């Protein structure tokens, strides 16, 4: 039975090559690991990266503007409801204040993203990459 080959998950050394520690000793099992890394370049140049970031900030700016618009409209609605429903006026005024605060926060976020977009545009122009000359700006 010792002449038969056993298929195991790990390959063990033969009995004549055995080392102290027995058949399953730590030194009897050999492991090898190969790590391969591959570098992938997208071919995007700096100009395309700047444009992509600028577009991303522009999208975020528009999301902030939409949030400010929606929260402002809800604040006006709650102000109207406070006048229309005097029994629950206090609740409507609190909700109006919360909506107004959210509108200010969303407006601040849109303002921040506007300046981030502007900073990226200035950095693009400073890097010497493609400059676009427009008729009105």
Protein backbone atom coordinates (compact mmCIF):
# COMPACT_ATOMS: atom_id res chain seq x y z
CA UNK A 1 0.00 0.00 0.00
CA UNK A 2 2.99 2.28 0.44
CA UNK A 3 3.67 1.97 -3.30
CA UNK A 4 0.26 3.41 -4.17
CA UNK A 5 0.01 7.10 -4.99
CA UNK A 6 -2.33 9.16 -2.88
CA UNK A 7 -3.76 12.37 -4.26
CA UNK A 8 -3.90 15.08 -1.65
CA UNK A 9 -4.58 18.74 -1.73
CA UNK A 10 -0.98 19.44 -0.74
CA UNK A 11 2.02 17.67 -2.21
CA UNK A 12 4.15 15.93 0.41
CA UNK A 13 7.71 14.76 0.12
CA UNK A 14 8.35 11.08 -0.35
CA UNK A 15 9.16 8.91 2.68
CA UNK A 16 12.89 8.74 1.88
CA UNK A 17 12.98 12.57 1.77
CA UNK A 18 10.99 12.93 4.98
CA UNK A 19 12.19 15.37 7.57
CA UNK A 20 11.67 15.23 11.31
CA UNK A 21 8.18 16.15 12.38
CA UNK A 22 6.32 13.24 10.82
CA UNK A 23 4.22 13.00 7.72
CA UNK A 24 2.24 16.15 8.48
CA UNK A 25 4.99 18.12 10.18
CA UNK A 26 5.44 21.76 9.30
CA UNK A 27 8.67 21.11 7.44
CA UNK A 28 7.20 18.26 5.37
CA UNK A 29 4.83 20.48 3.38
CA UNK A 30 6.09 22.83 0.71
CA UNK A 31 4.14 25.88 -0.37
CA UNK A 32 4.90 28.25 -3.15
CA UNK A 33 3.15 31.44 -4.08
CA UNK A 34 3.52 33.52 -7.19
CA UNK A 35 2.15 37.03 -7.39
CA UNK A 36 1.73 38.66 -10.76
CA UNK A 37 0.85 42.31 -11.11
CA UNK A 38 -0.21 44.02 -14.26
CA UNK A 39 -0.13 47.75 -14.80
CA UNK A 40 -2.97 48.99 -16.94
CA UNK A 41 -2.90 52.48 -18.38
CA UNK A 42 -6.05 54.01 -19.69
CA UNK A 43 -4.29 56.38 -22.04
CA UNK A 44 -6.10 59.34 -20.52
CA UNK A 45 -4.00 62.43 -20.71
CA UNK A 46 -4.09 65.27 -18.20
CA UNK A 47 -6.53 67.32 -20.26
CA UNK A 48 -9.13 64.54 -20.25
CA UNK A 49 -8.68 64.06 -16.50
CA UNK A 50 -9.24 67.77 -15.87
CA UNK A 51 -12.32 67.79 -18.07
CA UNK A 52 -13.73 64.73 -16.31
CA UNK A 53 -13.18 66.29 -12.86
CA UNK A 54 -14.66 69.59 -14.02
CA UNK A 55 -17.75 67.81 -15.33
CA UNK A 56 -18.04 65.88 -12.06
CA UNK A 57 -17.96 69.11 -10.00
CA UNK A 58 -20.45 70.73 -12.37
CA UNK A 59 -22.83 67.80 -11.82
CA UNK A 60 -22.44 68.08 -8.04
CA UNK A 61 -23.05 71.84 -8.26
CA UNK A 62 -26.32 71.20 -10.09
CA UNK A 63 -27.36 68.63 -7.49
CA UNK A 64 -26.73 71.24 -4.78
CA UNK A 65 -28.77 73.82 -6.67
CA UNK A 66 -31.66 71.38 -7.09
CA UNK A 67 -31.52 70.56 -3.37
CA UNK A 68 -31.57 74.24 -2.45
CA UNK A 69 -34.51 74.84 -4.78
CA UNK A 70 -36.50 71.90 -3.41
CA UNK A 71 -35.81 72.76 0.24
CA UNK A 72 -36.65 76.42 -0.38
CA UNK A 73 -39.93 75.50 -2.04
CA UNK A 74 -40.81 73.21 0.87
CA UNK A 75 -40.02 76.01 3.34
CA UNK A 76 -42.39 78.35 1.48
CA UNK A 77 -45.06 75.64 1.46
CA UNK A 78 -44.73 75.17 5.23
CA UNK A 79 -44.93 78.94 5.75
CA UNK A 80 -48.17 78.94 3.77
CA UNK A 81 -49.48 75.99 5.80
CA UNK A 82 -48.69 77.81 9.08
CA UNK A 83 -50.96 80.69 8.01
CA UNK A 84 -53.62 78.38 6.62
CA UNK A 85 -53.74 76.00 9.62
CA UNK A 86 -53.42 78.06 12.84
CA UNK A 87 -54.13 75.01 15.02
CA UNK A 88 -50.85 73.37 13.92
CA UNK A 89 -48.99 76.60 13.14
CA UNK A 90 -46.15 75.91 15.58
CA UNK A 91 -45.36 72.54 13.96
CA UNK A 92 -45.42 74.14 10.49
CA UNK A 93 -43.09 76.96 11.60
CA UNK A 94 -40.58 74.46 12.99
CA UNK A 95 -40.71 72.44 9.77
CA UNK A 96 -40.32 75.68 7.78
CA UNK A 97 -37.18 76.60 9.73
CA UNK A 98 -35.68 73.14 9.20
CA UNK A 99 -36.41 73.32 5.46
CA UNK A 100 -34.91 76.82 5.27
CA UNK A 101 -31.77 75.57 7.02
CA UNK A 102 -31.54 72.69 4.57
CA UNK A 103 -31.92 75.14 1.67
CA UNK A 104 -29.07 77.27 2.98
CA UNK A 105 -26.89 74.18 3.44
CA UNK A 106 -27.61 72.93 -0.08
CA UNK A 107 -26.90 76.40 -1.46
CA UNK A 108 -23.57 76.43 0.38
CA UNK A 109 -22.74 73.02 -1.06
CA UNK A 110 -23.53 74.24 -4.58
CA UNK A 111 -21.35 77.31 -3.98
CA UNK A 112 -18.50 75.10 -2.76
CA UNK A 113 -18.72 72.85 -5.83
CA UNK A 114 -18.82 75.90 -8.09
CA UNK A 115 -15.49 77.02 -6.65
CA UNK A 116 -14.03 73.52 -6.89
CA UNK A 117 -14.94 73.52 -10.59
CA UNK A 118 -13.36 76.93 -10.95
CA UNK A 119 -10.15 75.78 -9.22
CA UNK A 120 -9.86 72.80 -11.55
CA UNK A 121 -10.32 75.04 -14.58
CA UNK A 122 -7.55 77.38 -13.35
CA UNK A 123 -5.27 74.41 -12.68
CA UNK A 124 -5.92 73.13 -16.19
CA UNK A 125 -4.99 76.46 -17.72
CA UNK A 126 -1.87 76.69 -15.55
CA UNK A 127 -0.70 73.23 -16.62
CA UNK A 128 -0.41 74.38 -20.23
CA UNK A 129 -2.80 71.77 -21.60
CA UNK A 130 -5.27 72.69 -24.32
CA UNK A 131 -6.73 76.14 -23.82
CA UNK A 132 -10.08 76.98 -25.29
CA UNK A 133 -10.83 80.52 -26.37
CA UNK A 134 -14.53 81.19 -26.38
CA UNK A 135 -16.27 84.21 -27.85
CA UNK A 136 -17.98 85.24 -24.61
CA UNK A 137 -15.67 84.19 -21.79
